[in-house]
């Protein structure tokens, strides 16, 4: 019985860890890769401008983030708002996911030792 509960703790822990990695991969990774691409090109507007195909990159692609789109490079304030938003969201998500992992480890340790 104790080993069954421990196996369940491990499975739940791995599930939560998978969700954490998924969130980081879906939000933070595109921000970092687009920042590296913009830096390499020397054009920080690049992630928000339409590509040659007419589509937008991952930071302005779907309808929720369409407010980030720009047909042409705009003002420095517009660029600061766009990168400020994505930078803040990335930092907050990394902090939140780190907190989740720390609390998960504490919970798993408490559950593991509490079982016997």
PDB file of N, CA and C in Angstrom:
ATOM      1  N   UNK A   1       0.827  -1.197   0.000  1.00  0.00           N
ATOM      2  CA  UNK A   1       0.000   0.000   0.000  1.00  0.00           C
ATOM      3  C   UNK A   1       0.869   1.259   0.000  1.00  0.00           C
ATOM      4  N   UNK A   2       1.925   1.249   0.825  1.00  0.00           N
ATOM      5  CA  UNK A   2       2.806   2.413   0.905  1.00  0.00           C
ATOM      6  C   UNK A   2       3.497   2.647  -0.436  1.00  0.00           C
ATOM      7  N   UNK A   3       3.949   1.574  -1.067  1.00  0.00           N
ATOM      8  CA  UNK A   3       4.629   1.736  -2.348  1.00  0.00           C
ATOM      9  C   UNK A   3       3.668   2.219  -3.428  1.00  0.00           C
ATOM     10  N   UNK A   4       2.433   1.800  -3.363  1.00  0.00           N
ATOM     11  CA  UNK A   4       1.438   2.285  -4.315  1.00  0.00           C
ATOM     12  C   UNK A   4       1.225   3.781  -4.191  1.00  0.00           C
ATOM     13  N   UNK A   5       1.184   4.275  -2.959  1.00  0.00           N
ATOM     14  CA  UNK A   5       1.030   5.715  -2.738  1.00  0.00           C
ATOM     15  C   UNK A   5       2.273   6.472  -3.192  1.00  0.00           C
ATOM     16  N   UNK A   6       3.439   5.868  -2.971  1.00  0.00           N
ATOM     17  CA  UNK A   6       4.672   6.517  -3.423  1.00  0.00           C
ATOM     18  C   UNK A   6       4.738   6.575  -4.949  1.00  0.00           C
ATOM     19  N   UNK A   7       4.303   5.512  -5.593  1.00  0.00           N
ATOM     20  CA  UNK A   7       4.259   5.525  -7.059  1.00  0.00           C
ATOM     21  C   UNK A   7       3.310   6.620  -7.538  1.00  0.00           C
ATOM     22  N   UNK A   8       2.177   6.763  -6.864  1.00  0.00           N
ATOM     23  CA  UNK A   8       1.228   7.805  -7.239  1.00  0.00           C
ATOM     24  C   UNK A   8       1.837   9.194  -7.033  1.00  0.00           C
ATOM     25  N   UNK A   9       2.583   9.387  -5.955  1.00  0.00           N
ATOM     26  CA  UNK A   9       3.266  10.662  -5.734  1.00  0.00           C
ATOM     27  C   UNK A   9       4.223  10.967  -6.883  1.00  0.00           C
ATOM     28  N   UNK A  10       4.970   9.973  -7.311  1.00  0.00           N
ATOM     29  CA  UNK A  10       5.923  10.169  -8.400  1.00  0.00           C
ATOM     30  C   UNK A  10       5.187  10.490  -9.705  1.00  0.00           C
ATOM     31  N   UNK A  11       4.105   9.781  -9.988  1.00  0.00           N
ATOM     32  CA  UNK A  11       3.346  10.017 -11.220  1.00  0.00           C
ATOM     33  C   UNK A  11       2.753  11.423 -11.228  1.00  0.00           C
ATOM     34  N   UNK A  12       2.164  11.823 -10.113  1.00  0.00           N
ATOM     35  CA  UNK A  12       1.599  13.178 -10.021  1.00  0.00           C
ATOM     36  C   UNK A  12       2.709  14.216 -10.147  1.00  0.00           C
ATOM     37  N   UNK A  13       3.830  13.976  -9.486  1.00  0.00           N
ATOM     38  CA  UNK A  13       4.963  14.896  -9.581  1.00  0.00           C
ATOM     39  C   UNK A  13       5.463  15.045 -11.002  1.00  0.00           C
ATOM     40  N   UNK A  14       5.572  13.933 -11.717  1.00  0.00           N
ATOM     41  CA  UNK A  14       6.009  13.991 -13.110  1.00  0.00           C
ATOM     42  C   UNK A  14       4.981  14.703 -13.988  1.00  0.00           C
ATOM     43  N   UNK A  15       3.701  14.518 -13.689  1.00  0.00           N
ATOM     44  CA  UNK A  15       2.657  15.223 -14.437  1.00  0.00           C
ATOM     45  C   UNK A  15       2.745  16.725 -14.254  1.00  0.00           C
ATOM     46  N   UNK A  16       2.918  17.163 -13.017  1.00  0.00           N
ATOM     47  CA  UNK A  16       3.045  18.606 -12.749  1.00  0.00           C
ATOM     48  C   UNK A  16       4.315  19.148 -13.390  1.00  0.00           C
ATOM     49  N   UNK A  17       5.408  18.400 -13.305  1.00  0.00           N
ATOM     50  CA  UNK A  17       6.656  18.827 -13.934  1.00  0.00           C
ATOM     51  C   UNK A  17       6.486  18.938 -15.453  1.00  0.00           C
ATOM     52  N   UNK A  18       5.738  18.020 -16.038  1.00  0.00           N
ATOM     53  CA  UNK A  18       5.461  18.091 -17.475  1.00  0.00           C
ATOM     54  C   UNK A  18       4.683  19.337 -17.848  1.00  0.00           C
ATOM     55  N   UNK A  19       3.715  19.699 -17.020  1.00  0.00           N
ATOM     56  CA  UNK A  19       2.933  20.918 -17.274  1.00  0.00           C
ATOM     57  C   UNK A  19       3.824  22.150 -17.171  1.00  0.00           C
ATOM     58  N   UNK A  20       4.710  22.173 -16.175  1.00  0.00           N
ATOM     59  CA  UNK A  20       5.644  23.289 -16.008  1.00  0.00           C
ATOM     60  C   UNK A  20       6.525  23.424 -17.248  1.00  0.00           C
ATOM     61  N   UNK A  21       7.080  22.314 -17.711  1.00  0.00           N
ATOM     62  CA  UNK A  21       7.943  22.354 -18.894  1.00  0.00           C
ATOM     63  C   UNK A  21       7.165  22.764 -20.140  1.00  0.00           C
ATOM     64  N   UNK A  22       5.923  22.342 -20.239  1.00  0.00           N
ATOM     65  CA  UNK A  22       5.084  22.724 -21.373  1.00  0.00           C
ATOM     66  C   UNK A  22       4.846  24.231 -21.400  1.00  0.00           C
ATOM     67  N   UNK A  23       4.532  24.799 -20.246  1.00  0.00           N
ATOM     68  CA  UNK A  23       4.301  26.252 -20.168  1.00  0.00           C
ATOM     69  C   UNK A  23       5.570  27.008 -20.547  1.00  0.00           C
ATOM     70  N   UNK A  24       6.704  26.567 -20.014  1.00  0.00           N
ATOM     71  CA  UNK A  24       7.961  27.237 -20.345  1.00  0.00           C
ATOM     72  C   UNK A  24       8.286  27.093 -21.832  1.00  0.00           C
ATOM     73  N   UNK A  25       7.999  25.943 -22.390  1.00  0.00           N
ATOM     74  CA  UNK A  25       8.283  25.721 -23.807  1.00  0.00           C
ATOM     75  C   UNK A  25       7.364  26.493 -24.738  1.00  0.00           C
ATOM     76  N   UNK A  26       6.122  26.696 -24.325  1.00  0.00           N
ATOM     77  CA  UNK A  26       5.160  27.386 -25.187  1.00  0.00           C
ATOM     78  C   UNK A  26       5.247  28.906 -25.111  1.00  0.00           C
ATOM     79  N   UNK A  27       5.679  29.434 -23.973  1.00  0.00           N
ATOM     80  CA  UNK A  27       5.693  30.890 -23.807  1.00  0.00           C
ATOM     81  C   UNK A  27       7.117  31.448 -23.758  1.00  0.00           C
ATOM     82  N   UNK A  28       7.937  30.925 -22.869  1.00  0.00           N
ATOM     83  CA  UNK A  28       9.256  31.524 -22.639  1.00  0.00           C
ATOM     84  C   UNK A  28      10.223  31.225 -23.788  1.00  0.00           C
ATOM     85  N   UNK A  29      10.231  29.995 -24.282  1.00  0.00           N
ATOM     86  CA  UNK A  29      11.170  29.634 -25.346  1.00  0.00           C
ATOM     87  C   UNK A  29      10.989  30.487 -26.604  1.00  0.00           C
ATOM     88  N   UNK A  30       9.747  30.712 -27.083  1.00  0.00           N
ATOM     89  CA  UNK A  30       9.605  31.581 -28.259  1.00  0.00           C
ATOM     90  C   UNK A  30      10.083  33.015 -28.016  1.00  0.00           C
ATOM     91  N   UNK A  31       9.898  33.517 -26.811  1.00  0.00           N
ATOM     92  CA  UNK A  31      10.364  34.877 -26.516  1.00  0.00           C
ATOM     93  C   UNK A  31      11.882  34.932 -26.614  1.00  0.00           C
ATOM     94  N   UNK A  32      12.544  33.944 -26.039  1.00  0.00           N
ATOM     95  CA  UNK A  32      14.011  33.915 -26.070  1.00  0.00           C
ATOM     96  C   UNK A  32      14.517  33.727 -27.500  1.00  0.00           C
ATOM     97  N   UNK A  33      13.930  32.800 -28.236  1.00  0.00           N
ATOM     98  CA  UNK A  33      14.406  32.562 -29.605  1.00  0.00           C
ATOM     99  C   UNK A  33      14.136  33.759 -30.517  1.00  0.00           C
ATOM    100  N   UNK A  34      13.001  34.419 -30.342  1.00  0.00           N
ATOM    101  CA  UNK A  34      12.713  35.606 -31.156  1.00  0.00           C
ATOM    102  C   UNK A  34      13.638  36.764 -30.784  1.00  0.00           C
ATOM    103  N   UNK A  35      13.973  36.890 -29.510  1.00  0.00           N
ATOM    104  CA  UNK A  35      14.920  37.934 -29.098  1.00  0.00           C
ATOM    105  C   UNK A  35      16.299  37.666 -29.700  1.00  0.00           C
ATOM    106  N   UNK A  36      16.715  36.408 -29.712  1.00  0.00           N
ATOM    107  CA  UNK A  36      18.010  36.065 -30.312  1.00  0.00           C
ATOM    108  C   UNK A  36      17.993  36.320 -31.820  1.00  0.00           C
ATOM    109  N   UNK A  37      16.892  36.002 -32.471  1.00  0.00           N
ATOM    110  CA  UNK A  37      16.764  36.235 -33.915  1.00  0.00           C
ATOM    111  C   UNK A  37      16.783  37.733 -34.227  1.00  0.00           C
ATOM    112  N   UNK A  38      16.059  38.515 -33.422  1.00  0.00           N
ATOM    113  CA  UNK A  38      16.023  39.968 -33.627  1.00  0.00           C
ATOM    114  C   UNK A  38      17.396  40.588 -33.388  1.00  0.00           C
ATOM    115  N   UNK A  39      18.084  40.108 -32.366  1.00  0.00           N
ATOM    116  CA  UNK A  39      19.417  40.623 -32.065  1.00  0.00           C
ATOM    117  C   UNK A  39      20.390  40.291 -33.194  1.00  0.00           C
ATOM    118  N   UNK A  40      20.321  39.071 -33.702  1.00  0.00           N
ATOM    119  CA  UNK A  40      21.217  38.667 -34.790  1.00  0.00           C
ATOM    120  C   UNK A  40      20.953  39.483 -36.055  1.00  0.00           C
ATOM    121  N   UNK A  41      19.691  39.802 -36.309  1.00  0.00           N
ATOM    122  CA  UNK A  41      19.338  40.584 -37.500  1.00  0.00           C
ATOM    123  C   UNK A  41      19.560  42.079 -37.290  1.00  0.00           C
ATOM    124  N   UNK A  42      19.694  42.492 -36.033  1.00  0.00           N
ATOM    125  CA  UNK A  42      19.858  43.915 -35.745  1.00  0.00           C
ATOM    126  C   UNK A  42      18.572  44.706 -35.882  1.00  0.00           C
ATOM    127  N   UNK A  43      17.441  44.019 -35.857  1.00  0.00           N
ATOM    128  CA  UNK A  43      16.137  44.666 -36.015  1.00  0.00           C
ATOM    129  C   UNK A  43      15.196  44.124 -34.941  1.00  0.00           C
ATOM    130  N   UNK A  44      14.987  44.885 -33.883  1.00  0.00           N
ATOM    131  CA  UNK A  44      14.160  44.411 -32.769  1.00  0.00           C
ATOM    132  C   UNK A  44      12.673  44.434 -33.099  1.00  0.00           C
ATOM    133  N   UNK A  45      12.296  45.021 -34.219  1.00  0.00           N
ATOM    134  CA  UNK A  45      10.900  44.971 -34.664  1.00  0.00           C
ATOM    135  C   UNK A  45      10.587  43.664 -35.382  1.00  0.00           C
ATOM    136  N   UNK A  46      11.596  42.925 -35.760  1.00  0.00           N
ATOM    137  CA  UNK A  46      11.440  41.734 -36.595  1.00  0.00           C
ATOM    138  C   UNK A  46      10.362  40.751 -36.117  1.00  0.00           C
ATOM    139  N   UNK A  47      10.261  40.413 -34.820  1.00  0.00           N
ATOM    140  CA  UNK A  47       9.233  39.446 -34.401  1.00  0.00           C
ATOM    141  C   UNK A  47       7.797  39.950 -34.550  1.00  0.00           C
ATOM    142  N   UNK A  48       7.621  41.240 -34.697  1.00  0.00           N
ATOM    143  CA  UNK A  48       6.281  41.818 -34.739  1.00  0.00           C
ATOM    144  C   UNK A  48       5.853  42.235 -36.147  1.00  0.00           C
ATOM    145  N   UNK A  49       6.750  42.120 -37.098  1.00  0.00           N
ATOM    146  CA  UNK A  49       6.470  42.468 -38.489  1.00  0.00           C
ATOM    147  C   UNK A  49       6.049  41.223 -39.259  1.00  0.00           C
ATOM    148  N   UNK A  50       5.263  41.392 -40.332  1.00  0.00           N
ATOM    149  CA  UNK A  50       4.897  40.217 -41.136  1.00  0.00           C
ATOM    150  C   UNK A  50       6.129  39.631 -41.826  1.00  0.00           C
ATOM    151  N   UNK A  51       6.132  38.312 -41.928  1.00  0.00           N
ATOM    152  CA  UNK A  51       7.221  37.625 -42.622  1.00  0.00           C
ATOM    153  C   UNK A  51       6.981  37.712 -44.123  1.00  0.00           C
ATOM    154  N   UNK A  52       7.883  37.166 -44.908  1.00  0.00           N
ATOM    155  CA  UNK A  52       7.741  37.218 -46.368  1.00  0.00           C
ATOM    156  C   UNK A  52       6.468  36.521 -46.835  1.00  0.00           C
ATOM    157  N   UNK A  53       6.044  35.513 -46.074  1.00  0.00           N
ATOM    158  CA  UNK A  53       4.826  34.775 -46.429  1.00  0.00           C
ATOM    159  C   UNK A  53       3.554  35.530 -46.042  1.00  0.00           C
ATOM    160  N   UNK A  54       3.703  36.634 -45.308  1.00  0.00           N
ATOM    161  CA  UNK A  54       2.542  37.392 -44.852  1.00  0.00           C
ATOM    162  C   UNK A  54       2.082  36.993 -43.461  1.00  0.00           C
ATOM    163  N   UNK A  55       2.618  35.899 -42.960  1.00  0.00           N
ATOM    164  CA  UNK A  55       2.272  35.438 -41.605  1.00  0.00           C
ATOM    165  C   UNK A  55       3.155  36.141 -40.585  1.00  0.00           C
ATOM    166  N   UNK A  56       2.728  36.076 -39.338  1.00  0.00           N
ATOM    167  CA  UNK A  56       3.493  36.682 -38.257  1.00  0.00           C
ATOM    168  C   UNK A  56       4.208  35.600 -37.466  1.00  0.00           C
ATOM    169  N   UNK A  57       5.242  36.011 -36.740  1.00  0.00           N
ATOM    170  CA  UNK A  57       5.992  35.086 -35.900  1.00  0.00           C
ATOM    171  C   UNK A  57       5.217  34.720 -34.646  1.00  0.00           C
ATOM    172  N   UNK A  58       5.800  33.904 -33.776  1.00  0.00           N
ATOM    173  CA  UNK A  58       5.081  33.382 -32.615  1.00  0.00           C
ATOM    174  C   UNK A  58       4.661  34.436 -31.589  1.00  0.00           C
ATOM    175  N   UNK A  59       5.283  35.604 -31.590  1.00  0.00           N
ATOM    176  CA  UNK A  59       4.912  36.626 -30.608  1.00  0.00           C
ATOM    177  C   UNK A  59       3.730  37.477 -31.062  1.00  0.00           C
ATOM    178  N   UNK A  60       3.283  37.292 -32.282  1.00  0.00           N
ATOM    179  CA  UNK A  60       2.138  38.061 -32.789  1.00  0.00           C
ATOM    180  C   UNK A  60       1.246  37.205 -33.679  1.00  0.00           C
ATOM    181  N   UNK A  61       1.351  35.908 -33.561  1.00  0.00           N
ATOM    182  CA  UNK A  61       0.714  35.015 -34.523  1.00  0.00           C
ATOM    183  C   UNK A  61      -0.788  34.852 -34.322  1.00  0.00           C
ATOM    184  N   UNK A  62      -1.228  34.517 -33.117  1.00  0.00           N
ATOM    185  CA  UNK A  62      -2.651  34.197 -32.948  1.00  0.00           C
ATOM    186  C   UNK A  62      -3.478  35.442 -32.633  1.00  0.00           C
ATOM    187  N   UNK A  63      -4.790  35.268 -32.569  1.00  0.00           N
ATOM    188  CA  UNK A  63      -5.658  36.443 -32.408  1.00  0.00           C
ATOM    189  C   UNK A  63      -5.557  37.081 -31.025  1.00  0.00           C
ATOM    190  N   UNK A  64      -5.114  36.345 -30.005  1.00  0.00           N
ATOM    191  CA  UNK A  64      -4.960  36.946 -28.678  1.00  0.00           C
ATOM    192  C   UNK A  64      -3.794  37.927 -28.661  1.00  0.00           C
ATOM    193  N   UNK A  65      -2.772  37.629 -29.429  1.00  0.00           N
ATOM    194  CA  UNK A  65      -1.574  38.464 -29.425  1.00  0.00           C
ATOM    195  C   UNK A  65      -1.498  39.357 -30.655  1.00  0.00           C
ATOM    196  N   UNK A  66      -2.597  39.480 -31.375  1.00  0.00           N
ATOM    197  CA  UNK A  66      -2.577  40.275 -32.603  1.00  0.00           C
ATOM    198  C   UNK A  66      -2.332  41.763 -32.325  1.00  0.00           C
ATOM    199  N   UNK A  67      -2.556  42.209 -31.106  1.00  0.00           N
ATOM    200  CA  UNK A  67      -2.272  43.607 -30.762  1.00  0.00           C
ATOM    201  C   UNK A  67      -0.776  43.903 -30.842  1.00  0.00           C
ATOM    202  N   UNK A  68       0.044  42.868 -30.834  1.00  0.00           N
ATOM    203  CA  UNK A  68       1.494  43.047 -30.921  1.00  0.00           C
ATOM    204  C   UNK A  68       1.967  43.255 -32.360  1.00  0.00           C
ATOM    205  N   UNK A  69       1.094  43.028 -33.326  1.00  0.00           N
ATOM    206  CA  UNK A  69       1.485  43.118 -34.731  1.00  0.00           C
ATOM    207  C   UNK A  69       1.775  44.555 -35.149  1.00  0.00           C
ATOM    208  N   UNK A  70       2.689  44.681 -36.105  1.00  0.00           N
ATOM    209  CA  UNK A  70       3.001  45.982 -36.698  1.00  0.00           C
ATOM    210  C   UNK A  70       3.242  45.771 -38.187  1.00  0.00           C
ATOM    211  N   UNK A  71       2.620  46.581 -39.013  1.00  0.00           N
ATOM    212  CA  UNK A  71       2.836  46.465 -40.463  1.00  0.00           C
ATOM    213  C   UNK A  71       4.217  46.993 -40.841  1.00  0.00           C
ATOM    214  N   UNK A  72       4.625  48.063 -40.159  1.00  0.00           N
ATOM    215  CA  UNK A  72       5.952  48.649 -40.375  1.00  0.00           C
ATOM    216  C   UNK A  72       6.540  48.975 -39.011  1.00  0.00           C
ATOM    217  N   UNK A  73       7.854  49.107 -38.909  1.00  0.00           N
ATOM    218  CA  UNK A  73       8.440  49.496 -37.625  1.00  0.00           C
ATOM    219  C   UNK A  73       7.875  50.834 -37.158  1.00  0.00           C
ATOM    220  N   UNK A  74       7.564  50.904 -35.881  1.00  0.00           N
ATOM    221  CA  UNK A  74       6.967  52.118 -35.331  1.00  0.00           C
ATOM    222  C   UNK A  74       7.910  52.839 -34.392  1.00  0.00           C
ATOM    223  N   UNK A  75       7.333  53.419 -33.371  1.00  0.00           N
ATOM    224  CA  UNK A  75       8.106  54.236 -32.441  1.00  0.00           C
ATOM    225  C   UNK A  75       8.873  53.374 -31.449  1.00  0.00           C
ATOM    226  N   UNK A  76       9.821  54.005 -30.797  1.00  0.00           N
ATOM    227  CA  UNK A  76      10.586  53.317 -29.754  1.00  0.00           C
ATOM    228  C   UNK A  76       9.678  52.943 -28.591  1.00  0.00           C
ATOM    229  N   UNK A  77       8.673  53.769 -28.320  1.00  0.00           N
ATOM    230  CA  UNK A  77       7.736  53.464 -27.230  1.00  0.00           C
ATOM    231  C   UNK A  77       6.925  52.213 -27.553  1.00  0.00           C
ATOM    232  N   UNK A  78       6.487  52.085 -28.795  1.00  0.00           N
ATOM    233  CA  UNK A  78       5.748  50.892 -29.205  1.00  0.00           C
ATOM    234  C   UNK A  78       6.591  49.637 -29.082  1.00  0.00           C
ATOM    235  N   UNK A  79       7.841  49.744 -29.457  1.00  0.00           N
ATOM    236  CA  UNK A  79       8.757  48.612 -29.337  1.00  0.00           C
ATOM    237  C   UNK A  79       9.003  48.275 -27.871  1.00  0.00           C
ATOM    238  N   UNK A  80       9.156  49.300 -27.036  1.00  0.00           N
ATOM    239  CA  UNK A  80       9.378  49.077 -25.604  1.00  0.00           C
ATOM    240  C   UNK A  80       8.174  48.406 -24.955  1.00  0.00           C
ATOM    241  N   UNK A  81       6.972  48.799 -25.351  1.00  0.00           N
ATOM    242  CA  UNK A  81       5.764  48.167 -24.803  1.00  0.00           C
ATOM    243  C   UNK A  81       5.711  46.699 -25.195  1.00  0.00           C
ATOM    244  N   UNK A  82       5.986  46.411 -26.450  1.00  0.00           N
ATOM    245  CA  UNK A  82       5.928  45.018 -26.915  1.00  0.00           C
ATOM    246  C   UNK A  82       6.959  44.145 -26.199  1.00  0.00           C
ATOM    247  N   UNK A  83       8.211  44.576 -26.212  1.00  0.00           N
ATOM    248  CA  UNK A  83       9.247  43.770 -25.558  1.00  0.00           C
ATOM    249  C   UNK A  83       9.100  43.790 -24.042  1.00  0.00           C
ATOM    250  N   UNK A  84       8.622  44.895 -23.490  1.00  0.00           N
ATOM    251  CA  UNK A  84       8.386  44.946 -22.043  1.00  0.00           C
ATOM    252  C   UNK A  84       7.341  43.942 -21.611  1.00  0.00           C
ATOM    253  N   UNK A  85       6.258  43.842 -22.382  1.00  0.00           N
ATOM    254  CA  UNK A  85       5.211  42.871 -22.070  1.00  0.00           C
ATOM    255  C   UNK A  85       5.760  41.456 -22.103  1.00  0.00           C
ATOM    256  N   UNK A  86       6.425  41.096 -23.207  1.00  0.00           N
ATOM    257  CA  UNK A  86       6.924  39.725 -23.341  1.00  0.00           C
ATOM    258  C   UNK A  86       8.015  39.416 -22.325  1.00  0.00           C
ATOM    259  N   UNK A  87       8.865  40.382 -22.024  1.00  0.00           N
ATOM    260  CA  UNK A  87       9.912  40.161 -21.015  1.00  0.00           C
ATOM    261  C   UNK A  87       9.301  39.956 -19.640  1.00  0.00           C
ATOM    262  N   UNK A  88       8.341  40.798 -19.283  1.00  0.00           N
ATOM    263  CA  UNK A  88       7.683  40.673 -17.983  1.00  0.00           C
ATOM    264  C   UNK A  88       6.959  39.339 -17.864  1.00  0.00           C
ATOM    265  N   UNK A  89       6.224  38.959 -18.894  1.00  0.00           N
ATOM    266  CA  UNK A  89       5.511  37.672 -18.856  1.00  0.00           C
ATOM    267  C   UNK A  89       6.484  36.506 -18.728  1.00  0.00           C
ATOM    268  N   UNK A  90       7.596  36.573 -19.426  1.00  0.00           N
ATOM    269  CA  UNK A  90       8.581  35.490 -19.353  1.00  0.00           C
ATOM    270  C   UNK A  90       9.193  35.391 -17.965  1.00  0.00           C
ATOM    271  N   UNK A  91       9.570  36.525 -17.400  1.00  0.00           N
ATOM    272  CA  UNK A  91      10.164  36.513 -16.054  1.00  0.00           C
ATOM    273  C   UNK A  91       9.153  36.014 -15.033  1.00  0.00           C
ATOM    274  N   UNK A  92       7.921  36.511 -15.107  1.00  0.00           N
ATOM    275  CA  UNK A  92       6.898  36.071 -14.155  1.00  0.00           C
ATOM    276  C   UNK A  92       6.602  34.581 -14.292  1.00  0.00           C
ATOM    277  N   UNK A  93       6.564  34.082 -15.509  1.00  0.00           N
ATOM    278  CA  UNK A  93       6.323  32.649 -15.706  1.00  0.00           C
ATOM    279  C   UNK A  93       7.475  31.803 -15.186  1.00  0.00           C
ATOM    280  N   UNK A  94       8.705  32.239 -15.403  1.00  0.00           N
ATOM    281  CA  UNK A  94       9.854  31.492 -14.876  1.00  0.00           C
ATOM    282  C   UNK A  94       9.814  31.474 -13.356  1.00  0.00           C
ATOM    283  N   UNK A  95       9.519  32.607 -12.737  1.00  0.00           N
ATOM    284  CA  UNK A  95       9.425  32.663 -11.270  1.00  0.00           C
ATOM    285  C   UNK A  95       8.283  31.779 -10.778  1.00  0.00           C
ATOM    286  N   UNK A  96       7.129  31.867 -11.414  1.00  0.00           N
ATOM    287  CA  UNK A  96       5.980  31.057 -10.996  1.00  0.00           C
ATOM    288  C   UNK A  96       6.259  29.568 -11.164  1.00  0.00           C
ATOM    289  N   UNK A  97       6.849  29.191 -12.287  1.00  0.00           N
ATOM    290  CA  UNK A  97       7.141  27.775 -12.512  1.00  0.00           C
ATOM    291  C   UNK A  97       8.216  27.284 -11.547  1.00  0.00           C
ATOM    292  N   UNK A  98       9.183  28.130 -11.231  1.00  0.00           N
ATOM    293  CA  UNK A  98      10.186  27.767 -10.226  1.00  0.00           C
ATOM    294  C   UNK A  98       9.555  27.556  -8.868  1.00  0.00           C
ATOM    295  N   UNK A  99       8.627  28.421  -8.506  1.00  0.00           N
ATOM    296  CA  UNK A  99       7.909  28.277  -7.236  1.00  0.00           C
ATOM    297  C   UNK A  99       7.095  26.991  -7.213  1.00  0.00           C
ATOM    298  N   UNK A 100       6.461  26.677  -8.324  1.00  0.00           N
ATOM    299  CA  UNK A 100       5.681  25.440  -8.397  1.00  0.00           C
ATOM    300  C   UNK A 100       6.587  24.229  -8.214  1.00  0.00           C
ATOM    301  N   UNK A 101       7.745  24.234  -8.855  1.00  0.00           N
ATOM    302  CA  UNK A 101       8.670  23.099  -8.732  1.00  0.00           C
ATOM    303  C   UNK A 101       9.180  22.968  -7.301  1.00  0.00           C
ATOM    304  N   UNK A 102       9.552  24.081  -6.669  1.00  0.00           N
ATOM    305  CA  UNK A 102      10.030  24.034  -5.280  1.00  0.00           C
ATOM    306  C   UNK A 102       8.941  23.499  -4.362  1.00  0.00           C
ATOM    307  N   UNK A 103       7.729  24.005  -4.503  1.00  0.00           N
ATOM    308  CA  UNK A 103       6.631  23.526  -3.656  1.00  0.00           C
ATOM    309  C   UNK A 103       6.277  22.077  -3.956  1.00  0.00           C
ATOM    310  N   UNK A 104       6.408  21.665  -5.197  1.00  0.00           N
ATOM    311  CA  UNK A 104       6.163  20.271  -5.558  1.00  0.00           C
ATOM    312  C   UNK A 104       7.181  19.353  -4.894  1.00  0.00           C
ATOM    313  N   UNK A 105       8.444  19.743  -4.920  1.00  0.00           N
ATOM    314  CA  UNK A 105       9.485  18.934  -4.270  1.00  0.00           C
ATOM    315  C   UNK A 105       9.224  18.849  -2.775  1.00  0.00           C
ATOM    316  N   UNK A 106       8.858  19.961  -2.159  1.00  0.00           N
ATOM    317  CA  UNK A 106       8.532  19.941  -0.724  1.00  0.00           C
ATOM    318  C   UNK A 106       7.351  19.018  -0.439  1.00  0.00           C
ATOM    319  N   UNK A 107       6.322  19.112  -1.251  1.00  0.00           N
ATOM    320  CA  UNK A 107       5.138  18.279  -1.067  1.00  0.00           C
ATOM    321  C   UNK A 107       5.468  16.803  -1.251  1.00  0.00           C
ATOM    322  N   UNK A 108       6.240  16.492  -2.279  1.00  0.00           N
ATOM    323  CA  UNK A 108       6.627  15.103  -2.510  1.00  0.00           C
ATOM    324  C   UNK A 108       7.496  14.574  -1.373  1.00  0.00           C
ATOM    325  N   UNK A 109       8.413  15.394  -0.874  1.00  0.00           N
ATOM    326  CA  UNK A 109       9.265  14.961   0.240  1.00  0.00           C
ATOM    327  C   UNK A 109       8.434  14.724   1.494  1.00  0.00           C
ATOM    328  N   UNK A 110       7.502  15.626   1.754  1.00  0.00           N
ATOM    329  CA  UNK A 110       6.640  15.467   2.928  1.00  0.00           C
ATOM    330  C   UNK A 110       5.756  14.232   2.784  1.00  0.00           C
ATOM    331  N   UNK A 111       5.204  14.024   1.601  1.00  0.00           N
ATOM    332  CA  UNK A 111       4.376  12.851   1.369  1.00  0.00           C
ATOM    333  C   UNK A 111       5.176  11.567   1.438  1.00  0.00           C
ATOM    334  N   UNK A 112       6.392  11.598   0.918  1.00  0.00           N
ATOM    335  CA  UNK A 112       7.239  10.404   0.908  1.00  0.00           C
ATOM    336  C   UNK A 112       7.624   9.996   2.327  1.00  0.00           C
ATOM    337  N   UNK A 113       8.057  10.977   3.131  1.00  0.00           N
ATOM    338  CA  UNK A 113       8.472  10.649   4.506  1.00  0.00           C
ATOM    339  C   UNK A 113       7.270  10.393   5.405  1.00  0.00           C
ATOM    340  N   UNK A 114       6.139  11.006   5.095  1.00  0.00           N
ATOM    341  CA  UNK A 114       4.942  10.812   5.915  1.00  0.00           C
ATOM    342  C   UNK A 114       4.315   9.443   5.739  1.00  0.00           C
ATOM    343  N   UNK A 115       4.692   8.764   4.662  1.00  0.00           N
ATOM    344  CA  UNK A 115       4.116   7.444   4.409  1.00  0.00           C
ATOM    345  C   UNK A 115       4.833   6.333   5.161  1.00  0.00           C
ATOM    346  N   UNK A 116       5.951   6.623   5.708  1.00  0.00           N
ATOM    347  CA  UNK A 116       6.539   5.563   6.506  1.00  0.00           C
ATOM    348  C   UNK A 116       7.962   5.394   6.353  1.00  0.00           C
TER     349      UNK A 116
END
